[in-house]
Amino acid sequence: MKSMRVNDHPVLGSLEKQKKINIYFDGQPYVAYEGDTIASALLASGVRTLRKHEDKDTPRGIYCNIGHCFECRVQLNGKNTVRACLTPVENNMKIESNISLFSTSLKGGTL
C-alpha cells in the first residue's frame, strides 16, 4: 500500500531528518519515525483497524485522536492496554490489536 505519510511539512519540516523506528503490529513489521504516536505511525502505513468491538466484533480504529474516546485501545508489549493516539512509538515495540473486555462482562456477568 502507498504510504499516507506527509514527507515534507511546512511547520514540522522534512521527514528525512527524523530517525526511523521499527514497530510490530499483530506480528507485522512497520516503519515509524521518532515522534510518531502508535496511531499516527499505523495510519501513515495504511492501517485503519486497531481492534474489534468487544460485543459486536465490528472494527474500531482512530476516532477522536485526542485521547477522549478510547476507541484506539491496543495492547503494548503483551502487558498494558494503552490509547494508540497518545502513546509515542519506541523502537521494536510490540503492539497487538486489543479486546480488553469479554461480552459477559459488558452485560454484567463475571469472567
Protein backbone atom coordinates (compact mmCIF):
# COMPACT_ATOMS: atom_id res chain seq x y z
CA MET A 1 0.00 0.00 0.00
CA LYS A 2 1.16 3.51 -0.77
CA SER A 3 2.32 5.45 2.27
CA MET A 4 -0.10 8.04 3.61
CA ARG A 5 2.72 9.89 5.37
CA VAL A 6 3.41 13.60 4.82
CA ASN A 7 7.10 13.71 3.88
CA ASP A 8 7.62 17.46 3.86
CA HIS A 9 5.52 19.66 6.14
CA PRO A 10 5.73 23.47 6.24
CA VAL A 11 5.75 23.53 10.07
CA LEU A 12 7.14 20.12 11.10
CA GLY A 13 9.87 20.07 8.47
CA SER A 14 11.28 17.24 6.39
CA LEU A 15 10.75 13.61 7.30
CA GLU A 16 14.31 12.86 6.14
CA LYS A 17 15.60 14.43 9.37
CA GLN A 18 13.60 12.03 11.58
CA LYS A 19 15.02 8.76 12.91
CA LYS A 20 13.34 5.58 11.60
CA ILE A 21 11.97 3.16 14.20
CA ASN A 22 10.73 -0.41 13.72
CA ILE A 23 7.42 -1.36 15.31
CA TYR A 24 5.30 -4.52 15.07
CA PHE A 25 1.51 -4.59 14.91
CA ASP A 26 -0.11 -8.02 15.21
CA GLY A 27 3.25 -9.52 14.26
CA GLN A 28 3.68 -7.45 11.08
CA PRO A 29 6.65 -5.04 10.84
CA TYR A 30 6.05 -1.34 10.16
CA VAL A 31 8.33 1.67 9.90
CA ALA A 32 7.60 4.58 12.22
CA TYR A 33 9.51 7.74 12.94
CA GLU A 34 10.72 9.22 16.19
CA GLY A 35 7.96 11.50 17.46
CA ASP A 36 5.12 9.42 15.98
CA THR A 37 2.35 8.07 18.13
CA ILE A 38 1.29 4.47 17.57
CA ALA A 39 -1.85 5.77 15.85
CA SER A 40 -0.05 8.18 13.52
CA ALA A 41 2.54 5.57 12.52
CA LEU A 42 -0.07 2.92 11.75
CA LEU A 43 -2.37 5.39 9.99
CA ALA A 44 0.52 6.54 7.78
CA SER A 45 1.18 2.88 6.96
CA GLY A 46 -2.42 2.32 5.87
CA VAL A 47 -3.67 0.51 8.99
CA ARG A 48 -7.24 1.56 9.81
CA THR A 49 -8.46 -1.15 12.19
CA LEU A 50 -6.78 -1.26 15.59
CA ARG A 51 -9.16 -3.61 17.39
CA LYS A 52 -12.61 -5.22 17.26
CA HIS A 53 -15.58 -4.14 19.37
CA GLU A 54 -15.93 -6.40 22.40
CA ASP A 55 -19.62 -7.13 21.93
CA LYS A 56 -20.37 -6.64 18.23
CA ASP A 57 -16.98 -7.66 16.77
CA THR A 58 -17.05 -4.61 14.46
CA PRO A 59 -13.78 -2.88 13.53
CA ARG A 60 -12.55 0.06 15.58
CA GLY A 61 -9.79 2.49 14.77
CA ILE A 62 -8.78 6.08 15.31
CA TYR A 63 -11.83 8.19 16.10
CA CYS A 64 -11.11 11.35 18.09
CA ASN A 65 -7.28 11.15 18.04
CA ILE A 66 -7.06 13.27 21.20
CA GLY A 67 -7.47 10.61 23.90
CA HIS A 68 -11.14 11.08 24.80
CA CYS A 69 -12.93 8.16 23.18
CA PHE A 70 -10.73 5.09 23.94
CA GLU A 71 -11.58 3.55 20.54
CA CYS A 72 -7.88 3.17 19.66
CA ARG A 73 -7.01 0.86 22.57
CA VAL A 74 -4.17 -1.56 21.84
CA GLN A 75 -2.06 -3.88 23.96
CA LEU A 76 1.56 -2.85 24.29
CA ASN A 77 4.39 -5.39 24.68
CA GLY A 78 1.95 -8.04 25.94
CA LYS A 79 1.11 -6.08 29.08
CA ASN A 80 -0.67 -2.76 29.29
CA THR A 81 -3.64 -1.51 27.34
CA VAL A 82 -2.91 1.98 26.01
CA ARG A 83 -4.54 4.56 23.75
CA ALA A 84 -2.66 4.48 20.44
CA CYS A 85 -3.32 8.16 19.78
CA LEU A 86 -1.45 9.24 22.94
CA THR A 87 1.38 6.69 23.12
CA PRO A 88 4.71 7.52 21.44
CA VAL A 89 6.41 4.79 19.46
CA GLU A 90 9.61 3.17 20.68
CA ASN A 91 11.97 1.01 18.67
CA ASN A 92 10.87 -2.64 18.41
CA MET A 93 7.65 -2.15 20.38
CA LYS A 94 5.14 -4.96 20.01
CA ILE A 95 1.57 -3.74 19.53
CA GLU A 96 -1.42 -6.07 19.45
CA SER A 97 -4.98 -5.35 18.48
CA ASN A 98 -6.80 -5.42 21.76
CA ILE A 99 -10.08 -6.77 23.04
CA SER A 100 -9.92 -5.85 26.69
CA LEU A 101 -13.36 -6.97 27.86
CA PHE A 102 -15.40 -10.09 27.34
CA SER A 103 -19.00 -9.70 26.24
CA THR A 104 -20.20 -11.30 29.50
CA SER A 105 -18.61 -8.50 31.50
CA LEU A 106 -20.32 -5.91 29.28
CA LYS A 107 -23.66 -7.45 30.22
CA GLY A 108 -22.92 -7.53 33.94
CA GLY A 109 -21.66 -11.13 34.05
CA THR A 110 -18.47 -12.43 35.55
CA LEU A 111 -15.35 -13.52 33.73
